[in-house]
Amino acid sequence: MQEQRIASTRLGDGTEVAYATAGSGPPLLFVGGWLSHLERSWALPAEHAFLTATARGRTLIRYDRPGCGLSGPAPAPSLDREVDAVSAVLAAARAQLRAEGPIDVVASSLGVPVTIRWAAEHPDAVRRLVLYGGWAVGPELSEPDVREHVIGLVATHWGLGSDVLTEIFAPDAPPGSRSAFAEYQQQCCSGPFAASLLRLCHELDVSDSLPAIAAPTLVLRRDGDRAAPDEQSRLIADRVRSGTMRVLPGRSHLPYVGEVGPLVAEIRSHLGLRASGRAEARVLTDRQRAVAELVSQGLTNREIGARLGITERSAEGHVERIRLRLGARSRAQIAAWWATDAG
């Protein structure tokens, strides 16, 4: 797997914000969805493949929002703090990369309204903008009783709440992938903080910022995405001065689940980049898949050999070839690949 370089910066109130850079070339800022963990997401082959295919030829900049992942604890989230985090990360990354001038920005889910407000306040900082699966008016995302039920479930029963949200965010994923993502969400932050972020999603309204966005903007959504209403995407595309909209087939809100290739192609085309390779983890042979499944179950090489009727050394060789083929650094990453892409 491609290596990423993790660093951190601080907001004006002292809150630490972790960010990561990967690749080379002009910077490309990715403002992600509501929860993240820089290390764990980078280790998930499906998400890693989507990010690297999207940013090929660029230096990818990502960050964990305050209170999530590798970033420090934070009080209740707010739009102002979210916008401050974007500015702080970009300033720190630019200094690290010695980069100047406007940059391209890709935003997803909660990252969309955050980026709308930030881009409106910094119109000269953005060259081109891609907004996927987002909204501008949070109160219109769902009915109040539904919203309060889900937020309450996340706050008091984070495991069950995570399962419910995963069914909404990734219906196209196989059961193993949905289970892995539900667990991943719980590793990003506590239930109460996740609930406060979910409430922020439904409360913020950045529609007044849309006319101030100067950069050419591509608005993307999947036609069956229940988390990103069609009318919200059209509102954004209509009110941004240089906005266009594309609707792709699919039901999953997560950009790296479902048909990823068309999404990557649309993003790169808008950014003026050449077509990228397939955003998929490489395919294993039937024997390698069998070994990977046993690795995911925690079996040792000796136990794998006994189960498959091969020697321990042969099992070790299979594991090493799997690791090299997937670009994984550890057995844990092979297990993550199995849960995310093959389970």
Protein backbone atom coordinates (compact mmCIF):
# COMPACT_ATOMS: atom_id res chain seq x y z
CA MET A 1 0.00 0.00 0.00
CA GLN A 2 1.09 3.56 -0.64
CA GLU A 3 2.49 5.17 2.49
CA GLN A 4 0.97 8.26 4.04
CA ARG A 5 2.70 10.87 6.17
CA ILE A 6 0.79 11.87 9.30
CA ALA A 7 1.26 15.20 11.05
CA SER A 8 -0.90 17.53 13.13
CA THR A 9 -1.79 21.17 13.57
CA ARG A 10 -3.85 23.11 16.10
CA LEU A 11 -6.88 25.35 15.96
CA GLY A 12 -7.02 28.71 17.68
CA ASP A 13 -8.56 27.13 20.79
CA GLY A 14 -5.74 24.59 21.01
CA THR A 15 -7.65 21.61 19.58
CA GLU A 16 -5.26 19.23 17.81
CA VAL A 17 -6.19 18.18 14.28
CA ALA A 18 -4.37 15.27 12.65
CA TYR A 19 -3.84 15.27 8.91
CA ALA A 20 -2.12 13.06 6.37
CA THR A 21 -0.48 13.55 3.00
CA ALA A 22 0.24 10.88 0.40
CA GLY A 23 1.52 10.77 -3.15
CA SER A 24 3.19 13.54 -5.10
CA GLY A 25 2.21 16.43 -7.33
CA PRO A 26 -0.06 19.46 -6.81
CA PRO A 27 -2.18 19.22 -3.65
CA LEU A 28 -5.70 17.76 -3.66
CA LEU A 29 -7.68 18.29 -0.47
CA PHE A 30 -10.25 15.64 0.48
CA VAL A 31 -12.85 16.71 3.06
CA GLY A 32 -14.46 13.48 4.15
CA GLY A 33 -17.72 12.32 5.68
CA TRP A 34 -18.93 12.56 9.23
CA LEU A 35 -16.50 10.07 10.83
CA SER A 36 -12.92 9.15 10.00
CA HIS A 37 -9.74 7.58 11.28
CA LEU A 38 -6.68 8.32 9.13
CA GLU A 39 -4.86 5.09 9.92
CA ARG A 40 -7.78 2.68 9.90
CA SER A 41 -9.35 4.08 6.73
CA TRP A 42 -6.00 3.96 4.91
CA ALA A 43 -5.70 0.29 5.89
CA LEU A 44 -9.09 -0.61 4.37
CA PRO A 45 -8.23 -1.66 0.80
CA ALA A 46 -11.52 -0.50 -0.73
CA GLU A 47 -11.24 3.02 0.67
CA HIS A 48 -7.49 3.12 0.01
CA ALA A 49 -8.06 2.08 -3.62
CA PHE A 50 -10.73 4.76 -4.13
CA LEU A 51 -8.56 7.51 -2.63
CA THR A 52 -5.39 6.61 -4.51
CA ALA A 53 -7.21 6.16 -7.83
CA THR A 54 -8.93 9.52 -7.39
CA ALA A 55 -5.74 11.36 -6.40
CA ARG A 56 -3.23 9.68 -8.72
CA GLY A 57 -0.76 12.35 -9.86
CA ARG A 58 -1.60 14.60 -6.91
CA THR A 59 -0.57 14.93 -3.28
CA LEU A 60 -3.65 13.84 -1.36
CA ILE A 61 -4.42 15.76 1.85
CA ARG A 62 -6.90 14.27 4.34
CA TYR A 63 -7.65 14.98 7.98
CA ASP A 64 -9.60 13.72 10.98
CA ARG A 65 -12.12 16.30 12.12
CA PRO A 66 -11.79 17.44 15.76
CA GLY A 67 -12.97 14.73 18.13
CA CYS A 68 -12.46 11.87 15.63
CA GLY A 69 -9.72 9.41 14.77
CA LEU A 70 -6.21 10.66 15.52
CA SER A 71 -7.34 14.24 16.24
CA GLY A 72 -7.63 15.45 19.80
CA PRO A 73 -10.82 15.65 21.86
CA ALA A 74 -13.15 18.52 21.11
CA PRO A 75 -16.28 20.10 22.58
CA ALA A 76 -19.59 19.81 20.78
CA PRO A 77 -18.95 20.19 17.03
CA SER A 78 -19.92 23.35 15.21
CA LEU A 79 -19.76 24.60 11.65
CA ASP A 80 -17.28 27.33 12.65
CA ARG A 81 -14.88 24.77 14.14
CA GLU A 82 -15.25 22.55 11.07
CA VAL A 83 -14.39 25.45 8.76
CA ASP A 84 -11.46 26.43 10.99
CA ALA A 85 -10.15 22.86 10.76
CA VAL A 86 -10.11 22.99 6.94
CA SER A 87 -8.17 26.28 7.00
CA ALA A 88 -5.70 25.04 9.61
CA VAL A 89 -5.01 21.75 7.84
CA LEU A 90 -4.58 23.41 4.47
CA ALA A 91 -2.20 26.03 5.90
CA ALA A 92 -0.09 23.36 7.63
CA ALA A 93 -0.05 21.04 4.61
CA ARG A 94 0.86 23.86 2.25
CA ALA A 95 3.79 24.82 4.46
CA GLN A 96 4.89 21.18 4.61
CA LEU A 97 4.59 20.75 0.83
CA ARG A 98 5.81 24.27 0.01
CA ALA A 99 2.73 24.69 -2.18
CA GLU A 100 1.12 27.95 -3.20
CA GLY A 101 -1.91 29.06 -5.18
CA PRO A 102 -5.45 27.69 -5.45
CA ILE A 103 -6.02 23.95 -5.04
CA ASP A 104 -8.57 21.36 -6.05
CA VAL A 105 -10.98 20.12 -3.38
CA VAL A 106 -13.13 16.97 -3.24
CA ALA A 107 -15.74 16.75 -0.48
CA SER A 108 -18.08 13.94 0.57
CA SER A 109 -21.18 13.80 2.80
CA LEU A 110 -20.80 16.15 5.82
CA GLY A 111 -17.67 17.44 4.11
CA VAL A 112 -19.91 19.02 1.47
CA PRO A 113 -21.68 21.68 3.58
CA VAL A 114 -18.43 22.32 5.45
CA THR A 115 -16.60 22.85 2.16
CA ILE A 116 -19.40 25.03 0.80
CA ARG A 117 -19.02 27.45 3.70
CA TRP A 118 -15.20 27.33 3.58
CA ALA A 119 -15.05 27.81 -0.22
CA ALA A 120 -17.46 30.75 0.00
CA GLU A 121 -15.23 32.40 2.59
CA HIS A 122 -12.03 31.66 0.62
CA PRO A 123 -13.05 31.94 -3.06
CA ASP A 124 -9.48 32.52 -4.26
CA ALA A 125 -8.20 29.35 -2.56
CA VAL A 126 -10.11 26.88 -4.73
CA ARG A 127 -9.29 26.00 -8.36
CA ARG A 128 -11.93 23.32 -8.94
CA LEU A 129 -14.47 21.75 -6.60
CA VAL A 130 -16.21 18.36 -6.48
CA LEU A 131 -19.10 17.82 -4.05
CA TYR A 132 -20.29 14.20 -3.70
CA GLY A 133 -23.29 12.93 -1.73
CA GLY A 134 -23.91 16.15 0.15
CA TRP A 135 -26.49 18.73 1.05
CA ALA A 136 -26.84 22.44 1.84
CA VAL A 137 -29.92 22.49 4.10
CA GLY A 138 -29.61 19.95 6.90
CA PRO A 139 -33.12 20.31 8.35
CA GLU A 140 -34.50 18.95 5.07
CA LEU A 141 -32.54 15.67 5.23
CA SER A 142 -35.25 13.77 7.13
CA GLU A 143 -38.40 14.12 9.20
CA PRO A 144 -37.77 15.38 12.78
CA ASP A 145 -39.08 12.23 14.48
CA VAL A 146 -36.88 9.98 12.33
CA ARG A 147 -33.86 12.22 12.96
CA GLU A 148 -34.34 12.21 16.74
CA HIS A 149 -34.83 8.45 16.83
CA VAL A 150 -31.57 7.76 14.97
CA ILE A 151 -29.58 10.35 16.94
CA GLY A 152 -30.87 8.91 20.22
CA LEU A 153 -29.99 5.39 19.10
CA VAL A 154 -26.43 6.44 18.21
CA ALA A 155 -25.99 8.27 21.53
CA THR A 156 -27.22 5.45 23.77
CA HIS A 157 -26.64 2.26 21.74
CA TRP A 158 -23.69 3.09 19.46
CA GLY A 159 -23.30 -0.48 18.25
CA LEU A 160 -26.91 -0.78 17.11
CA GLY A 161 -26.93 2.80 15.82
CA SER A 162 -23.83 2.09 13.76
CA ASP A 163 -25.51 -0.96 12.23
CA VAL A 164 -28.58 1.09 11.27
CA LEU A 165 -26.48 3.83 9.65
CA THR A 166 -24.38 1.26 7.79
CA GLU A 167 -27.54 -0.16 6.18
CA ILE A 168 -28.30 3.36 4.94
CA PHE A 169 -24.75 4.28 3.92
CA ALA A 170 -23.67 1.01 2.27
CA PRO A 171 -26.62 -1.12 1.11
CA ASP A 172 -24.64 -2.30 -1.94
CA ALA A 173 -21.88 -3.80 0.21
CA PRO A 174 -21.79 -7.51 1.07
CA PRO A 175 -22.57 -8.45 4.70
CA GLY A 176 -18.88 -8.73 5.64
CA SER A 177 -18.19 -5.24 4.35
CA ARG A 178 -21.15 -3.74 6.20
CA SER A 179 -20.03 -5.40 9.41
CA ALA A 180 -16.49 -4.06 8.96
CA PHE A 181 -17.76 -0.53 8.33
CA ALA A 182 -20.08 -0.62 11.34
CA GLU A 183 -17.11 -1.60 13.51
CA TYR A 184 -14.96 1.07 11.84
CA GLN A 185 -17.47 3.80 12.71
CA GLN A 186 -17.34 2.80 16.37
CA GLN A 187 -13.54 3.02 16.33
CA CYS A 188 -13.61 6.61 15.06
CA CYS A 189 -15.23 8.23 18.10
CA SER A 190 -17.61 7.69 21.01
CA GLY A 191 -21.34 7.26 20.58
CA PRO A 192 -22.25 10.59 22.21
CA PHE A 193 -19.80 12.49 20.00
CA ALA A 194 -21.06 10.66 16.89
CA ALA A 195 -24.59 11.67 17.88
CA SER A 196 -23.52 15.31 18.18
CA LEU A 197 -21.97 15.17 14.70
CA LEU A 198 -25.13 13.59 13.33
CA ARG A 199 -27.17 16.38 14.89
CA LEU A 200 -24.86 18.94 13.28
CA CYS A 201 -25.52 17.29 9.89
CA HIS A 202 -29.23 17.93 10.34
CA GLU A 203 -28.97 21.45 11.77
CA LEU A 204 -26.58 23.37 9.54
CA ASP A 205 -27.80 25.45 6.62
CA VAL A 206 -25.21 26.81 4.18
CA SER A 207 -27.54 27.67 1.32
CA ASP A 208 -26.71 31.36 1.68
CA SER A 209 -23.05 30.57 0.90
CA LEU A 210 -23.68 28.89 -2.45
CA PRO A 211 -23.71 32.01 -4.67
CA ALA A 212 -20.32 33.07 -3.26
CA ILE A 213 -18.52 29.97 -4.57
CA ALA A 214 -16.40 31.05 -7.53
CA ALA A 215 -14.74 27.78 -8.58
CA PRO A 216 -16.17 25.50 -11.28
CA THR A 217 -18.12 22.97 -9.25
CA LEU A 218 -19.24 19.42 -10.04
CA VAL A 219 -22.07 18.04 -7.90
CA LEU A 220 -22.25 14.23 -7.84
CA ARG A 221 -24.68 11.79 -6.29
CA ARG A 222 -25.89 8.23 -6.78
CA ASP A 223 -29.52 7.90 -7.76
CA GLY A 224 -30.43 5.54 -4.92
CA ASP A 225 -28.47 7.29 -2.13
CA ARG A 226 -30.93 7.72 0.76
CA ALA A 227 -28.52 9.88 2.78
CA ALA A 228 -28.17 12.59 0.10
CA PRO A 229 -31.53 13.76 -1.31
CA ASP A 230 -31.69 14.56 -5.00
CA GLU A 231 -33.29 17.95 -4.35
CA GLN A 232 -30.34 18.98 -2.19
CA SER A 233 -27.83 18.16 -4.91
CA ARG A 234 -29.89 20.10 -7.45
CA LEU A 235 -30.14 23.06 -5.07
CA ILE A 236 -26.36 23.18 -4.81
CA ALA A 237 -25.79 22.84 -8.56
CA ASP A 238 -28.39 25.50 -9.36
CA ARG A 239 -27.15 28.13 -6.91
CA VAL A 240 -23.41 27.80 -7.49
CA ARG A 241 -22.45 30.13 -10.33
CA SER A 242 -20.44 27.52 -12.24
CA GLY A 243 -22.22 24.40 -11.02
CA THR A 244 -22.99 21.23 -12.97
CA MET A 245 -24.57 18.01 -11.75
CA ARG A 246 -24.08 14.35 -12.62
CA VAL A 247 -26.23 11.49 -11.28
CA LEU A 248 -24.64 8.03 -11.25
CA PRO A 249 -26.30 4.64 -10.70
CA GLY A 250 -26.00 3.05 -7.28
CA ARG A 251 -27.44 3.08 -3.76
CA SER A 252 -24.41 3.46 -1.50
CA HIS A 253 -23.58 6.77 0.14
CA LEU A 254 -19.98 5.73 0.78
CA PRO A 255 -17.96 6.68 -2.31
CA TYR A 256 -15.78 3.57 -2.16
CA VAL A 257 -18.68 1.08 -2.10
CA GLY A 258 -20.54 -0.02 -5.21
CA GLU A 259 -19.56 1.03 -8.74
CA VAL A 260 -16.50 3.11 -7.91
CA GLY A 261 -14.97 3.43 -11.39
CA PRO A 262 -17.57 5.85 -12.83
CA LEU A 263 -17.33 8.06 -9.74
CA VAL A 264 -13.55 8.24 -9.95
CA ALA A 265 -13.78 8.98 -13.68
CA GLU A 266 -16.19 11.89 -13.15
CA ILE A 267 -14.03 13.40 -10.41
CA ARG A 268 -10.79 13.16 -12.38
CA SER A 269 -12.40 14.48 -15.55
CA HIS A 270 -13.69 17.58 -13.74
CA LEU A 271 -10.27 18.16 -12.22
CA GLY A 272 -8.63 17.90 -15.62
CA LEU A 273 -6.77 14.68 -14.79
CA ARG A 274 -6.20 11.69 -17.02
CA ALA A 275 -8.29 8.58 -16.51
CA SER A 276 -7.06 6.52 -13.59
CA GLY A 277 -6.77 2.77 -13.15
CA ARG A 278 -9.48 0.63 -11.64
CA ALA A 279 -10.29 1.62 -8.07
CA GLU A 280 -10.34 -1.94 -6.84
CA ALA A 281 -8.08 -4.17 -4.79
CA ARG A 282 -6.34 -6.69 -7.02
CA VAL A 283 -7.95 -10.12 -7.48
CA LEU A 284 -6.53 -13.20 -5.76
CA THR A 285 -6.51 -16.78 -7.02
CA ASP A 286 -9.01 -19.24 -5.52
CA ARG A 287 -6.28 -20.73 -3.31
CA GLN A 288 -5.15 -17.31 -2.18
CA ARG A 289 -8.72 -16.36 -1.35
CA ALA A 290 -9.05 -19.50 0.75
CA VAL A 291 -5.86 -18.61 2.62
CA ALA A 292 -6.97 -14.99 3.06
CA GLU A 293 -10.25 -16.14 4.57
CA LEU A 294 -8.38 -18.29 7.11
CA VAL A 295 -6.03 -15.40 7.89
CA SER A 296 -9.12 -13.28 8.60
CA GLN A 297 -10.22 -15.94 11.10
CA GLY A 298 -6.93 -15.52 12.98
CA LEU A 299 -5.36 -18.86 12.04
CA THR A 300 -1.58 -19.26 12.09
CA ASN A 301 0.36 -20.54 9.08
CA ARG A 302 0.57 -23.97 10.70
CA GLU A 303 -3.20 -24.04 11.27
CA ILE A 304 -3.86 -22.85 7.72
CA GLY A 305 -1.62 -25.60 6.37
CA ALA A 306 -3.43 -28.24 8.42
CA ARG A 307 -6.83 -26.95 7.32
CA LEU A 308 -5.92 -26.92 3.61
CA GLY A 309 -3.70 -30.02 3.58
CA ILE A 310 -0.49 -28.16 2.71
CA THR A 311 2.76 -27.62 4.57
CA GLU A 312 3.29 -24.74 6.95
CA ARG A 313 5.96 -23.35 4.61
CA SER A 314 3.52 -23.43 1.68
CA ALA A 315 0.95 -21.57 3.77
CA GLU A 316 3.59 -19.00 4.66
CA GLY A 317 4.39 -18.55 0.98
CA HIS A 318 0.74 -18.05 0.11
CA VAL A 319 0.37 -15.42 2.84
CA GLU A 320 3.43 -13.57 1.58
CA ARG A 321 2.18 -13.59 -2.02
CA ILE A 322 -1.23 -12.35 -0.86
CA ARG A 323 0.46 -9.56 1.09
CA LEU A 324 2.46 -8.49 -1.96
CA ARG A 325 -0.49 -8.71 -4.33
CA LEU A 326 -2.73 -6.60 -2.10
CA GLY A 327 0.04 -4.22 -1.08
CA ALA A 328 -0.69 -5.11 2.56
CA ARG A 329 1.89 -4.71 5.31
CA SER A 330 0.43 -7.16 7.84
CA ARG A 331 -1.95 -10.06 8.39
CA ALA A 332 -4.38 -7.57 9.91
CA GLN A 333 -4.59 -5.72 6.59
CA ILE A 334 -5.18 -9.00 4.75
CA ALA A 335 -8.04 -9.63 7.19
CA ALA A 336 -9.36 -6.12 6.55
CA TRP A 337 -9.28 -6.78 2.79
CA TRP A 338 -11.26 -9.98 3.26
CA ALA A 339 -13.89 -8.28 5.41
CA THR A 340 -14.21 -5.25 3.15
CA ASP A 341 -13.79 -6.59 -0.38
CA ALA A 342 -14.44 -10.31 -0.25
CA GLY A 343 -16.58 -11.03 2.78
